Amino acid sequence: MKKNTFLDMLKDITLSNPQEQVLIDSAINELYAKKNKAVVLSSLKREFGKLAMQQKLSAEGVKFLSKISRPNINVDIAKSSTTWFQ
């Protein structure tokens, strides 16, 4: 059985701002509904980014946004090498 670490990470997060927690809960529900992880992650980044632009993001929310926005070196290198050698 494949372990979904992104889903596990989201389940472990509880944010005190109710608006931010609704976004997390929604993402969890989408992953349970077998929605594409990349789509869910992109949507989550976009929604948290909107809150940040409106300066409505809590300190916890900023920390979470920076965590999910951090580049994944393994994925990025794999993508770049496949485009480089084509």
N, C-alpha and C. Protein backbone atom coordinates (compact mmCIF):
# COMPACT_ATOMS: atom_id res chain seq x y z
N MET A 1 0.85 -1.19 0.00
CA MET A 1 0.00 0.00 0.00
C MET A 1 0.89 1.25 0.00
N LYS A 2 0.58 2.17 -0.89
CA LYS A 2 1.37 3.39 -1.02
C LYS A 2 0.96 4.39 0.06
N LYS A 3 1.95 4.95 0.74
CA LYS A 3 1.69 5.93 1.79
C LYS A 3 1.64 7.32 1.17
N ASN A 4 0.59 8.06 1.47
CA ASN A 4 0.44 9.41 0.95
C ASN A 4 0.97 10.39 2.00
N THR A 5 2.23 10.77 1.87
CA THR A 5 2.84 11.62 2.88
C THR A 5 2.24 13.03 2.89
N PHE A 6 1.81 13.52 1.73
CA PHE A 6 1.18 14.85 1.68
C PHE A 6 -0.12 14.83 2.49
N LEU A 7 -0.93 13.79 2.31
CA LEU A 7 -2.17 13.65 3.07
C LEU A 7 -1.88 13.54 4.56
N ASP A 8 -0.88 12.73 4.91
CA ASP A 8 -0.51 12.58 6.32
C ASP A 8 -0.08 13.92 6.92
N MET A 9 0.70 14.69 6.16
CA MET A 9 1.15 16.00 6.63
C MET A 9 -0.05 16.91 6.89
N LEU A 10 -1.01 16.91 5.96
CA LEU A 10 -2.19 17.77 6.12
C LEU A 10 -3.02 17.36 7.33
N LYS A 11 -3.15 16.05 7.55
CA LYS A 11 -3.95 15.57 8.68
C LYS A 11 -3.32 15.96 10.02
N ASP A 12 -2.00 16.12 10.03
CA ASP A 12 -1.30 16.48 11.28
C ASP A 12 -1.35 17.97 11.59
N ILE A 13 -1.87 18.78 10.65
CA ILE A 13 -1.86 20.23 10.81
C ILE A 13 -3.20 20.72 11.35
N THR A 14 -3.12 21.53 12.40
CA THR A 14 -4.29 22.21 12.93
C THR A 14 -3.93 23.68 13.08
N LEU A 15 -4.60 24.51 12.30
CA LEU A 15 -4.34 25.95 12.35
C LEU A 15 -5.42 26.63 13.18
N SER A 16 -5.03 27.63 13.96
CA SER A 16 -6.00 28.30 14.84
C SER A 16 -6.94 29.22 14.06
N ASN A 17 -6.52 29.69 12.89
CA ASN A 17 -7.38 30.54 12.07
C ASN A 17 -8.41 29.65 11.36
N PRO A 18 -9.71 29.83 11.63
CA PRO A 18 -10.73 28.95 11.04
C PRO A 18 -10.75 29.00 9.51
N GLN A 19 -10.50 30.15 8.93
CA GLN A 19 -10.52 30.28 7.47
C GLN A 19 -9.40 29.43 6.85
N GLU A 20 -8.24 29.43 7.48
CA GLU A 20 -7.11 28.63 7.00
C GLU A 20 -7.37 27.14 7.21
N GLN A 21 -7.96 26.79 8.34
CA GLN A 21 -8.24 25.37 8.63
C GLN A 21 -9.26 24.81 7.65
N VAL A 22 -10.21 25.61 7.23
CA VAL A 22 -11.20 25.17 6.23
C VAL A 22 -10.48 24.78 4.93
N LEU A 23 -9.47 25.56 4.55
CA LEU A 23 -8.71 25.25 3.33
C LEU A 23 -7.97 23.91 3.48
N ILE A 24 -7.39 23.68 4.65
CA ILE A 24 -6.68 22.42 4.92
C ILE A 24 -7.67 21.25 4.86
N ASP A 25 -8.81 21.41 5.56
CA ASP A 25 -9.82 20.34 5.59
C ASP A 25 -10.35 20.04 4.19
N SER A 26 -10.54 21.07 3.41
CA SER A 26 -11.02 20.90 2.04
C SER A 26 -10.00 20.11 1.21
N ALA A 27 -8.72 20.44 1.38
CA ALA A 27 -7.66 19.73 0.66
C ALA A 27 -7.63 18.25 1.06
N ILE A 28 -7.82 17.99 2.35
CA ILE A 28 -7.85 16.60 2.84
C ILE A 28 -9.00 15.85 2.18
N ASN A 29 -10.17 16.48 2.14
CA ASN A 29 -11.34 15.85 1.52
C ASN A 29 -11.11 15.57 0.04
N GLU A 30 -10.46 16.51 -0.65
CA GLU A 30 -10.18 16.32 -2.08
C GLU A 30 -9.23 15.14 -2.29
N LEU A 31 -8.24 15.00 -1.41
CA LEU A 31 -7.31 13.88 -1.53
C LEU A 31 -8.01 12.55 -1.25
N TYR A 32 -8.93 12.54 -0.28
CA TYR A 32 -9.71 11.33 -0.02
C TYR A 32 -10.59 10.97 -1.22
N ALA A 33 -11.01 12.00 -1.95
CA ALA A 33 -11.84 11.79 -3.14
C ALA A 33 -10.99 11.44 -4.37
N LYS A 34 -9.71 11.16 -4.12
CA LYS A 34 -8.76 10.73 -5.17
C LYS A 34 -8.44 11.81 -6.18
N LYS A 35 -8.54 13.07 -5.77
CA LYS A 35 -8.15 14.16 -6.67
C LYS A 35 -6.63 14.19 -6.77
N ASN A 36 -6.12 14.62 -7.88
CA ASN A 36 -4.69 14.65 -8.14
C ASN A 36 -3.97 15.49 -7.08
N LYS A 37 -2.91 14.91 -6.50
CA LYS A 37 -2.16 15.59 -5.44
C LYS A 37 -1.60 16.93 -5.91
N ALA A 38 -1.08 16.96 -7.13
CA ALA A 38 -0.48 18.20 -7.65
C ALA A 38 -1.53 19.30 -7.79
N VAL A 39 -2.74 18.93 -8.18
CA VAL A 39 -3.83 19.90 -8.33
C VAL A 39 -4.24 20.43 -6.95
N VAL A 40 -4.35 19.53 -5.99
CA VAL A 40 -4.73 19.93 -4.63
C VAL A 40 -3.66 20.84 -4.03
N LEU A 41 -2.40 20.49 -4.21
CA LEU A 41 -1.30 21.30 -3.68
C LEU A 41 -1.29 22.68 -4.32
N SER A 42 -1.47 22.73 -5.63
CA SER A 42 -1.49 24.00 -6.35
C SER A 42 -2.63 24.89 -5.86
N SER A 43 -3.79 24.31 -5.68
CA SER A 43 -4.96 25.05 -5.20
C SER A 43 -4.70 25.58 -3.78
N LEU A 44 -4.10 24.75 -2.95
CA LEU A 44 -3.81 25.15 -1.58
C LEU A 44 -2.82 26.31 -1.55
N LYS A 45 -1.78 26.24 -2.37
CA LYS A 45 -0.81 27.34 -2.46
C LYS A 45 -1.49 28.62 -2.93
N ARG A 46 -2.37 28.49 -3.92
CA ARG A 46 -3.06 29.66 -4.47
C ARG A 46 -3.95 30.31 -3.41
N GLU A 47 -4.73 29.50 -2.71
CA GLU A 47 -5.66 30.05 -1.71
C GLU A 47 -4.91 30.68 -0.53
N PHE A 48 -3.85 30.03 -0.07
CA PHE A 48 -3.05 30.62 1.02
C PHE A 48 -2.34 31.87 0.53
N GLY A 49 -1.92 31.86 -0.74
CA GLY A 49 -1.29 33.04 -1.33
C GLY A 49 -2.24 34.23 -1.38
N LYS A 50 -3.52 33.95 -1.71
CA LYS A 50 -4.53 35.02 -1.73
C LYS A 50 -4.68 35.64 -0.34
N LEU A 51 -4.73 34.78 0.69
CA LEU A 51 -4.85 35.29 2.05
C LEU A 51 -3.62 36.12 2.42
N ALA A 52 -2.45 35.68 1.98
CA ALA A 52 -1.22 36.42 2.27
C ALA A 52 -1.25 37.78 1.60
N MET A 53 -1.72 37.84 0.36
CA MET A 53 -1.80 39.11 -0.36
C MET A 53 -2.75 40.08 0.33
N GLN A 54 -3.81 39.55 0.94
CA GLN A 54 -4.78 40.38 1.65
C GLN A 54 -4.33 40.66 3.09
N GLN A 55 -3.14 40.15 3.44
CA GLN A 55 -2.59 40.27 4.79
C GLN A 55 -3.53 39.70 5.85
N LYS A 56 -4.17 38.59 5.50
CA LYS A 56 -5.09 37.92 6.43
C LYS A 56 -4.54 36.56 6.85
N LEU A 57 -3.27 36.31 6.57
CA LEU A 57 -2.66 35.03 6.87
C LEU A 57 -1.99 35.10 8.24
N SER A 58 -2.30 34.13 9.10
CA SER A 58 -1.69 34.09 10.43
C SER A 58 -0.23 33.67 10.32
N ALA A 59 0.48 33.79 11.42
CA ALA A 59 1.89 33.38 11.46
C ALA A 59 1.99 31.87 11.15
N GLU A 60 1.04 31.10 11.70
CA GLU A 60 1.00 29.66 11.41
C GLU A 60 0.77 29.43 9.92
N GLY A 61 -0.12 30.20 9.35
CA GLY A 61 -0.43 30.08 7.93
C GLY A 61 0.76 30.41 7.05
N VAL A 62 1.52 31.44 7.45
CA VAL A 62 2.72 31.81 6.70
C VAL A 62 3.73 30.66 6.75
N LYS A 63 3.89 30.08 7.92
CA LYS A 63 4.82 28.96 8.09
C LYS A 63 4.38 27.78 7.21
N PHE A 64 3.08 27.49 7.21
CA PHE A 64 2.56 26.39 6.39
C PHE A 64 2.76 26.67 4.91
N LEU A 65 2.45 27.89 4.48
CA LEU A 65 2.62 28.26 3.07
C LEU A 65 4.07 28.12 2.64
N SER A 66 5.00 28.56 3.47
CA SER A 66 6.40 28.43 3.10
C SER A 66 6.82 26.96 3.05
N LYS A 67 6.23 26.14 3.90
CA LYS A 67 6.54 24.70 3.91
C LYS A 67 6.07 24.03 2.62
N ILE A 68 4.85 24.33 2.18
CA ILE A 68 4.35 23.67 0.97
C ILE A 68 4.90 24.32 -0.30
N SER A 69 5.44 25.51 -0.18
CA SER A 69 6.00 26.19 -1.36
C SER A 69 7.48 25.88 -1.56
N ARG A 70 8.09 25.25 -0.59
CA ARG A 70 9.50 24.91 -0.67
C ARG A 70 9.71 23.96 -1.85
N PRO A 71 10.71 24.22 -2.67
CA PRO A 71 10.92 23.35 -3.83
C PRO A 71 11.34 21.94 -3.41
N ASN A 72 10.84 20.96 -4.15
CA ASN A 72 11.21 19.57 -3.93
C ASN A 72 12.33 19.25 -4.91
N ILE A 73 13.54 19.21 -4.43
CA ILE A 73 14.72 19.04 -5.29
C ILE A 73 14.62 17.76 -6.13
N ASN A 74 14.19 16.66 -5.54
CA ASN A 74 14.11 15.40 -6.28
C ASN A 74 13.16 15.49 -7.46
N VAL A 75 12.00 16.07 -7.27
CA VAL A 75 11.02 16.21 -8.34
C VAL A 75 11.52 17.20 -9.38
N ASP A 76 12.05 18.33 -8.93
CA ASP A 76 12.51 19.36 -9.85
C ASP A 76 13.65 18.86 -10.73
N ILE A 77 14.59 18.13 -10.15
CA ILE A 77 15.70 17.60 -10.95
C ILE A 77 15.19 16.58 -11.95
N ALA A 78 14.26 15.73 -11.53
CA ALA A 78 13.72 14.72 -12.44
C ALA A 78 13.02 15.39 -13.62
N LYS A 79 12.24 16.42 -13.33
CA LYS A 79 11.53 17.14 -14.41
C LYS A 79 12.51 17.84 -15.35
N SER A 80 13.51 18.48 -14.78
CA SER A 80 14.45 19.22 -15.62
C SER A 80 15.29 18.28 -16.48
N SER A 81 15.67 17.13 -15.93
CA SER A 81 16.48 16.21 -16.71
C SER A 81 15.68 15.58 -17.85
N THR A 82 14.39 15.36 -17.64
CA THR A 82 13.59 14.79 -18.74
C THR A 82 13.38 15.81 -19.85
N THR A 83 13.29 17.07 -19.51
CA THR A 83 13.13 18.08 -20.57
C THR A 83 14.47 18.38 -21.22
N TRP A 84 15.54 18.27 -20.46
CA TRP A 84 16.88 18.57 -20.98
C TRP A 84 17.30 17.56 -22.03
N PHE A 85 16.99 16.29 -21.81
CA PHE A 85 17.49 15.22 -22.68
C PHE A 85 16.53 14.82 -23.78
N GLN A 86 15.48 15.54 -23.98
CA GLN A 86 14.53 15.19 -25.04
C GLN A 86 14.93 15.76 -26.36
